């Protein structure tokens, strides 16, 4: 009987030893390298805290947006493919910085085609993505336009690209918006529709002057 126990014990030890060898063989050099890399790239608490602090702190670009704060008179011109004659309208825009200077809010009020018009836009500069993000809503529709863009220091323009659903066709269409900073008190906004072939059609221009 003792011999049987010894034999069984030897089998168990052999089985455990084989399992250990299997486990060792399953841990390849590649697995070790990936684990090491993951450990090395995991940021520590100080790095995480600094990243969030940088993300939440307004930058020089936010200061640029803050320069628009005030009341502006806007002259709007519209074009449609069906009617080559431009249509005119006016509005008053009021800009201010909100949420501790992190976002610009613009409120537009005026008269368009004999109807009262009101629109609201927000502009952000995302410190993480290094992009401008703008949203637009107004009382002429129920949708929201979201666009993203970059600032070009040479031309002093922000070019936004976005998409919206055309209420006529029910299909999504691309749009482009260019804001030109002519001087501290003069701006121009141009809006373009972009068809499936990439052809652009300018449908709106707004020239704004700051009230003194």
C-alpha atoms as a PDB file:
ATOM      1  CA  UNK A   1       0.000   0.000   0.000  1.00  0.00           C
ATOM      2  CA  UNK A   2       2.840   2.369   0.869  1.00  0.00           C
ATOM      3  CA  UNK A   3       4.330   1.682  -2.545  1.00  0.00           C
ATOM      4  CA  UNK A   4       1.033   2.682  -4.207  1.00  0.00           C
ATOM      5  CA  UNK A   5       0.974   5.978  -2.241  1.00  0.00           C
ATOM      6  CA  UNK A   6       4.522   6.702  -3.274  1.00  0.00           C
ATOM      7  CA  UNK A   7       3.637   5.951  -6.891  1.00  0.00           C
ATOM      8  CA  UNK A   8       0.560   8.191  -6.800  1.00  0.00           C
ATOM      9  CA  UNK A   9       2.565  10.966  -5.148  1.00  0.00           C
ATOM     10  CA  UNK A  10       5.137  10.756  -7.899  1.00  0.00           C
ATOM     11  CA  UNK A  11       2.384  11.024 -10.518  1.00  0.00           C
ATOM     12  CA  UNK A  12       0.932  14.131  -8.809  1.00  0.00           C
ATOM     13  CA  UNK A  13       4.345  15.796  -8.650  1.00  0.00           C
ATOM     14  CA  UNK A  14       4.939  14.965 -12.280  1.00  0.00           C
ATOM     15  CA  UNK A  15       1.513  16.396 -13.247  1.00  0.00           C
ATOM     16  CA  UNK A  16       2.101  19.634 -11.318  1.00  0.00           C
ATOM     17  CA  UNK A  17       5.566  19.980 -12.804  1.00  0.00           C
ATOM     18  CA  UNK A  18       4.196  19.512 -16.318  1.00  0.00           C
ATOM     19  CA  UNK A  19       1.509  22.141 -15.706  1.00  0.00           C
ATOM     20  CA  UNK A  20       4.139  24.607 -14.534  1.00  0.00           C
ATOM     21  CA  UNK A  21       6.108  23.982 -17.691  1.00  0.00           C
ATOM     22  CA  UNK A  22       2.944  24.534 -19.778  1.00  0.00           C
ATOM     23  CA  UNK A  23       2.248  27.845 -18.046  1.00  0.00           C
ATOM     24  CA  UNK A  24       5.830  28.948 -18.591  1.00  0.00           C
ATOM     25  CA  UNK A  25       5.635  28.007 -22.257  1.00  0.00           C
ATOM     26  CA  UNK A  26       2.398  30.006 -22.682  1.00  0.00           C
ATOM     27  CA  UNK A  27       4.096  33.240 -21.477  1.00  0.00           C
ATOM     28  CA  UNK A  28       5.870  34.263 -24.652  1.00  0.00           C
ATOM     29  CA  UNK A  29       8.450  37.061 -24.937  1.00  0.00           C
ATOM     30  CA  UNK A  30       5.834  39.075 -26.837  1.00  0.00           C
ATOM     31  CA  UNK A  31       3.392  38.788 -23.926  1.00  0.00           C
ATOM     32  CA  UNK A  32       6.055  39.936 -21.481  1.00  0.00           C
ATOM     33  CA  UNK A  33       6.927  42.887 -23.750  1.00  0.00           C
ATOM     34  CA  UNK A  34       3.272  43.990 -24.079  1.00  0.00           C
ATOM     35  CA  UNK A  35       2.779  43.774 -20.315  1.00  0.00           C
ATOM     36  CA  UNK A  36       5.948  45.774 -19.740  1.00  0.00           C
ATOM     37  CA  UNK A  37       4.896  48.397 -22.288  1.00  0.00           C
ATOM     38  CA  UNK A  38       1.434  48.753 -20.734  1.00  0.00           C
ATOM     39  CA  UNK A  39       3.007  49.222 -17.314  1.00  0.00           C
ATOM     40  CA  UNK A  40       5.453  51.809 -18.606  1.00  0.00           C
ATOM     41  CA  UNK A  41       2.756  53.831 -20.471  1.00  0.00           C
ATOM     42  CA  UNK A  42       0.275  53.950 -17.590  1.00  0.00           C
ATOM     43  CA  UNK A  43       0.468  57.569 -16.354  1.00  0.00           C
ATOM     44  CA  UNK A  44       0.979  58.265 -12.705  1.00  0.00           C
ATOM     45  CA  UNK A  45      -1.400  60.403 -10.654  1.00  0.00           C
ATOM     46  CA  UNK A  46       0.667  63.576 -11.091  1.00  0.00           C
ATOM     47  CA  UNK A  47       0.633  63.214 -14.883  1.00  0.00           C
ATOM     48  CA  UNK A  48      -3.118  62.613 -14.880  1.00  0.00           C
ATOM     49  CA  UNK A  49      -3.740  65.641 -12.664  1.00  0.00           C
ATOM     50  CA  UNK A  50      -1.630  67.904 -14.887  1.00  0.00           C
ATOM     51  CA  UNK A  51      -3.373  66.670 -18.040  1.00  0.00           C
ATOM     52  CA  UNK A  52      -6.791  67.506 -16.610  1.00  0.00           C
ATOM     53  CA  UNK A  53      -5.563  70.865 -15.322  1.00  0.00           C
ATOM     54  CA  UNK A  54      -4.244  71.767 -18.789  1.00  0.00           C
ATOM     55  CA  UNK A  55      -7.509  70.604 -20.347  1.00  0.00           C
ATOM     56  CA  UNK A  56      -9.561  72.819 -18.025  1.00  0.00           C
ATOM     57  CA  UNK A  57      -7.422  75.975 -18.190  1.00  0.00           C
ATOM     58  CA  UNK A  58      -8.330  78.645 -20.791  1.00  0.00           C
ATOM     59  CA  UNK A  59      -5.465  79.310 -23.207  1.00  0.00           C
ATOM     60  CA  UNK A  60      -4.289  82.194 -25.401  1.00  0.00           C
ATOM     61  CA  UNK A  61      -6.831  81.098 -27.993  1.00  0.00           C
ATOM     62  CA  UNK A  62      -9.624  81.468 -25.434  1.00  0.00           C
ATOM     63  CA  UNK A  63      -8.335  84.995 -24.859  1.00  0.00           C
ATOM     64  CA  UNK A  64      -8.682  85.562 -28.603  1.00  0.00           C
ATOM     65  CA  UNK A  65     -12.329  84.475 -28.444  1.00  0.00           C
ATOM     66  CA  UNK A  66     -12.877  86.756 -25.452  1.00  0.00           C
ATOM     67  CA  UNK A  67     -11.909  89.763 -27.576  1.00  0.00           C
ATOM     68  CA  UNK A  68     -15.249  89.406 -29.394  1.00  0.00           C
ATOM     69  CA  UNK A  69     -17.171  90.185 -26.206  1.00  0.00           C
ATOM     70  CA  UNK A  70     -19.681  92.938 -26.897  1.00  0.00           C
ATOM     71  CA  UNK A  71     -22.490  93.876 -29.293  1.00  0.00           C
ATOM     72  CA  UNK A  72     -22.120  93.630 -33.056  1.00  0.00           C
ATOM     73  CA  UNK A  73     -24.328  94.784 -35.950  1.00  0.00           C
ATOM     74  CA  UNK A  74     -24.579  92.112 -38.622  1.00  0.00           C
ATOM     75  CA  UNK A  75     -25.556  92.519 -42.269  1.00  0.00           C
ATOM     76  CA  UNK A  76     -26.584  89.183 -43.756  1.00  0.00           C
ATOM     77  CA  UNK A  77     -26.751  88.187 -47.425  1.00  0.00           C
ATOM     78  CA  UNK A  78     -28.271  84.917 -48.672  1.00  0.00           C
ATOM     79  CA  UNK A  79     -28.127  83.075 -51.982  1.00  0.00           C
ATOM     80  CA  UNK A  80     -30.065  80.062 -53.262  1.00  0.00           C
ATOM     81  CA  UNK A  81     -29.420  77.968 -56.389  1.00  0.00           C
ATOM     82  CA  UNK A  82     -32.935  78.756 -57.613  1.00  0.00           C
ATOM     83  CA  UNK A  83     -32.654  82.521 -57.195  1.00  0.00           C
ATOM     84  CA  UNK A  84     -29.449  84.313 -58.210  1.00  0.00           C
ATOM     85  CA  UNK A  85     -30.669  87.560 -56.643  1.00  0.00           C
ATOM     86  CA  UNK A  86     -29.272  87.929 -53.114  1.00  0.00           C
ATOM     87  CA  UNK A  87     -31.615  88.456 -50.193  1.00  0.00           C
ATOM     88  CA  UNK A  88     -30.705  90.774 -47.337  1.00  0.00           C
ATOM     89  CA  UNK A  89     -31.387  90.788 -43.598  1.00  0.00           C
ATOM     90  CA  UNK A  90     -29.937  92.353 -40.473  1.00  0.00           C
ATOM     91  CA  UNK A  91     -29.305  91.117 -36.968  1.00  0.00           C
ATOM     92  CA  UNK A  92     -27.677  92.142 -33.724  1.00  0.00           C
ATOM     93  CA  UNK A  93     -25.159  89.728 -32.226  1.00  0.00           C
ATOM     94  CA  UNK A  94     -24.075  89.722 -28.590  1.00  0.00           C
ATOM     95  CA  UNK A  95     -20.997  87.743 -27.585  1.00  0.00           C
ATOM     96  CA  UNK A  96     -19.757  86.810 -24.127  1.00  0.00           C
ATOM     97  CA  UNK A  97     -17.561  84.190 -22.504  1.00  0.00           C
ATOM     98  CA  UNK A  98     -19.275  81.652 -20.249  1.00  0.00           C
ATOM     99  CA  UNK A  99     -18.304  78.906 -17.792  1.00  0.00           C
ATOM    100  CA  UNK A 100     -15.207  80.621 -16.409  1.00  0.00           C
ATOM    101  CA  UNK A 101     -14.010  81.865 -19.782  1.00  0.00           C
ATOM    102  CA  UNK A 102     -13.908  78.429 -21.406  1.00  0.00           C
ATOM    103  CA  UNK A 103     -16.597  78.958 -24.077  1.00  0.00           C
ATOM    104  CA  UNK A 104     -17.898  81.772 -26.239  1.00  0.00           C
ATOM    105  CA  UNK A 105     -21.648  82.228 -26.484  1.00  0.00           C
ATOM    106  CA  UNK A 106     -23.233  84.270 -29.270  1.00  0.00           C
ATOM    107  CA  UNK A 107     -26.894  85.327 -29.398  1.00  0.00           C
ATOM    108  CA  UNK A 108     -28.287  86.637 -32.695  1.00  0.00           C
ATOM    109  CA  UNK A 109     -31.598  88.500 -32.951  1.00  0.00           C
ATOM    110  CA  UNK A 110     -33.118  90.164 -35.980  1.00  0.00           C
ATOM    111  CA  UNK A 111     -35.728  90.010 -38.704  1.00  0.00           C
ATOM    112  CA  UNK A 112     -35.585  87.518 -41.575  1.00  0.00           C
ATOM    113  CA  UNK A 113     -38.101  87.417 -44.424  1.00  0.00           C
ATOM    114  CA  UNK A 114     -40.576  89.326 -42.316  1.00  0.00           C
ATOM    115  CA  UNK A 115     -40.273  86.974 -39.360  1.00  0.00           C
ATOM    116  CA  UNK A 116     -38.435  87.405 -36.044  1.00  0.00           C
ATOM    117  CA  UNK A 117     -35.173  85.516 -36.025  1.00  0.00           C
ATOM    118  CA  UNK A 118     -33.138  84.279 -33.070  1.00  0.00           C
ATOM    119  CA  UNK A 119     -30.108  82.032 -33.092  1.00  0.00           C
ATOM    120  CA  UNK A 120     -27.549  80.875 -30.551  1.00  0.00           C
ATOM    121  CA  UNK A 121     -24.042  79.642 -31.121  1.00  0.00           C
ATOM    122  CA  UNK A 122     -21.291  78.339 -28.881  1.00  0.00           C
ATOM    123  CA  UNK A 123     -17.637  78.183 -29.794  1.00  0.00           C
ATOM    124  CA  UNK A 124     -15.076  76.125 -27.926  1.00  0.00           C
ATOM    125  CA  UNK A 125     -11.384  75.524 -28.296  1.00  0.00           C
ATOM    126  CA  UNK A 126     -10.632  72.002 -27.125  1.00  0.00           C
ATOM    127  CA  UNK A 127      -7.205  72.002 -25.490  1.00  0.00           C
ATOM    128  CA  UNK A 128      -7.003  68.222 -25.888  1.00  0.00           C
ATOM    129  CA  UNK A 129      -7.881  67.873 -29.592  1.00  0.00           C
ATOM    130  CA  UNK A 130      -6.393  71.276 -30.522  1.00  0.00           C
ATOM    131  CA  UNK A 131      -9.558  72.066 -32.477  1.00  0.00           C
ATOM    132  CA  UNK A 132     -12.269  74.680 -32.498  1.00  0.00           C
ATOM    133  CA  UNK A 133     -15.768  73.242 -32.078  1.00  0.00           C
ATOM    134  CA  UNK A 134     -18.878  75.277 -32.809  1.00  0.00           C
ATOM    135  CA  UNK A 135     -22.590  74.566 -32.411  1.00  0.00           C
ATOM    136  CA  UNK A 136     -25.537  76.464 -33.871  1.00  0.00           C
ATOM    137  CA  UNK A 137     -29.302  76.417 -33.227  1.00  0.00           C
ATOM    138  CA  UNK A 138     -32.029  78.876 -34.249  1.00  0.00           C
ATOM    139  CA  UNK A 139     -35.790  79.282 -34.329  1.00  0.00           C
ATOM    140  CA  UNK A 140     -35.941  78.505 -38.071  1.00  0.00           C
ATOM    141  CA  UNK A 141     -35.418  74.784 -37.510  1.00  0.00           C
ATOM    142  CA  UNK A 142     -35.140  71.947 -35.010  1.00  0.00           C
ATOM    143  CA  UNK A 143     -31.658  70.693 -35.843  1.00  0.00           C
ATOM    144  CA  UNK A 144     -28.226  71.507 -34.542  1.00  0.00           C
ATOM    145  CA  UNK A 145     -25.131  72.152 -36.642  1.00  0.00           C
ATOM    146  CA  UNK A 146     -21.852  70.952 -35.145  1.00  0.00           C
ATOM    147  CA  UNK A 147     -18.596  71.865 -36.878  1.00  0.00           C
ATOM    148  CA  UNK A 148     -14.895  71.555 -36.169  1.00  0.00           C
ATOM    149  CA  UNK A 149     -12.075  73.695 -37.441  1.00  0.00           C
ATOM    150  CA  UNK A 150      -8.593  75.120 -37.222  1.00  0.00           C
ATOM    151  CA  UNK A 151      -7.240  78.669 -37.026  1.00  0.00           C
ATOM    152  CA  UNK A 152      -4.816  79.908 -39.661  1.00  0.00           C
ATOM    153  CA  UNK A 153      -2.580  82.657 -38.320  1.00  0.00           C
ATOM    154  CA  UNK A 154      -1.458  83.813 -41.774  1.00  0.00           C
ATOM    155  CA  UNK A 155      -4.953  84.548 -43.096  1.00  0.00           C
ATOM    156  CA  UNK A 156      -6.465  85.132 -39.623  1.00  0.00           C
ATOM    157  CA  UNK A 157      -9.335  82.782 -40.400  1.00  0.00           C
ATOM    158  CA  UNK A 158     -11.011  79.784 -38.806  1.00  0.00           C
ATOM    159  CA  UNK A 159     -12.286  77.216 -41.308  1.00  0.00           C
ATOM    160  CA  UNK A 160     -14.975  74.895 -39.944  1.00  0.00           C
ATOM    161  CA  UNK A 161     -16.299  71.701 -41.500  1.00  0.00           C
ATOM    162  CA  UNK A 162     -19.547  70.089 -40.401  1.00  0.00           C
ATOM    163  CA  UNK A 163     -22.651  68.254 -41.550  1.00  0.00           C
ATOM    164  CA  UNK A 164     -26.400  68.640 -41.247  1.00  0.00           C
ATOM    165  CA  UNK A 165     -29.529  66.969 -42.571  1.00  0.00           C
ATOM    166  CA  UNK A 166     -31.139  68.870 -45.451  1.00  0.00           C
ATOM    167  CA  UNK A 167     -34.853  69.188 -44.546  1.00  0.00           C
ATOM    168  CA  UNK A 168     -35.766  69.167 -48.266  1.00  0.00           C
ATOM    169  CA  UNK A 169     -33.994  65.945 -49.237  1.00  0.00           C
ATOM    170  CA  UNK A 170     -33.796  64.316 -45.818  1.00  0.00           C
ATOM    171  CA  UNK A 171     -30.158  63.508 -46.540  1.00  0.00           C
ATOM    172  CA  UNK A 172     -27.029  64.630 -44.771  1.00  0.00           C
ATOM    173  CA  UNK A 173     -24.995  67.321 -46.471  1.00  0.00           C
ATOM    174  CA  UNK A 174     -21.579  68.762 -45.733  1.00  0.00           C
ATOM    175  CA  UNK A 175     -21.093  72.423 -44.944  1.00  0.00           C
ATOM    176  CA  UNK A 176     -18.102  74.706 -44.614  1.00  0.00           C
ATOM    177  CA  UNK A 177     -17.865  77.922 -42.623  1.00  0.00           C
ATOM    178  CA  UNK A 178     -15.081  80.490 -42.762  1.00  0.00           C
ATOM    179  CA  UNK A 179     -14.725  83.232 -40.157  1.00  0.00           C
ATOM    180  CA  UNK A 180     -12.340  86.024 -41.158  1.00  0.00           C
ATOM    181  CA  UNK A 181     -10.958  88.354 -38.491  1.00  0.00           C
ATOM    182  CA  UNK A 182     -10.484  91.495 -40.580  1.00  0.00           C
ATOM    183  CA  UNK A 183      -9.619  93.666 -37.590  1.00  0.00           C
ATOM    184  CA  UNK A 184     -10.599  93.911 -33.921  1.00  0.00           C
ATOM    185  CA  UNK A 185     -13.977  95.433 -34.824  1.00  0.00           C
ATOM    186  CA  UNK A 186     -14.765  93.796 -38.186  1.00  0.00           C
ATOM    187  CA  UNK A 187     -15.528  90.153 -39.021  1.00  0.00           C
ATOM    188  CA  UNK A 188     -16.877  88.238 -41.980  1.00  0.00           C
ATOM    189  CA  UNK A 189     -18.554  84.836 -41.891  1.00  0.00           C
ATOM    190  CA  UNK A 190     -19.100  82.813 -45.084  1.00  0.00           C
ATOM    191  CA  UNK A 191     -21.159  79.623 -45.300  1.00  0.00           C
ATOM    192  CA  UNK A 192     -20.962  77.036 -48.082  1.00  0.00           C
ATOM    193  CA  UNK A 193     -22.969  73.952 -49.013  1.00  0.00           C
ATOM    194  CA  UNK A 194     -20.843  71.097 -50.388  1.00  0.00           C
ATOM    195  CA  UNK A 195     -22.455  68.587 -52.755  1.00  0.00           C
ATOM    196  CA  UNK A 196     -21.572  64.917 -53.185  1.00  0.00           C
ATOM    197  CA  UNK A 197     -18.960  65.817 -55.807  1.00  0.00           C
ATOM    198  CA  UNK A 198     -17.216  68.272 -53.490  1.00  0.00           C
ATOM    199  CA  UNK A 199     -18.520  71.337 -55.334  1.00  0.00           C
ATOM    200  CA  UNK A 200     -19.112  74.324 -53.045  1.00  0.00           C
ATOM    201  CA  UNK A 201     -22.010  76.773 -53.203  1.00  0.00           C
ATOM    202  CA  UNK A 202     -21.846  79.942 -51.136  1.00  0.00           C
ATOM    203  CA  UNK A 203     -25.254  80.426 -49.549  1.00  0.00           C
ATOM    204  CA  UNK A 204     -24.595  83.044 -46.867  1.00  0.00           C
ATOM    205  CA  UNK A 205     -22.296  85.871 -45.874  1.00  0.00           C
ATOM    206  CA  UNK A 206     -22.481  87.906 -42.676  1.00  0.00           C
ATOM    207  CA  UNK A 207     -20.437  91.072 -42.243  1.00  0.00           C
ATOM    208  CA  UNK A 208     -20.303  92.253 -38.651  1.00  0.00           C
ATOM    209  CA  UNK A 209     -19.125  95.510 -37.062  1.00  0.00           C
ATOM    210  CA  UNK A 210     -18.658  96.008 -33.360  1.00  0.00           C
ATOM    211  CA  UNK A 211     -20.742  98.746 -31.767  1.00  0.00           C
ATOM    212  CA  UNK A 212     -18.666 101.481 -30.202  1.00  0.00           C
END
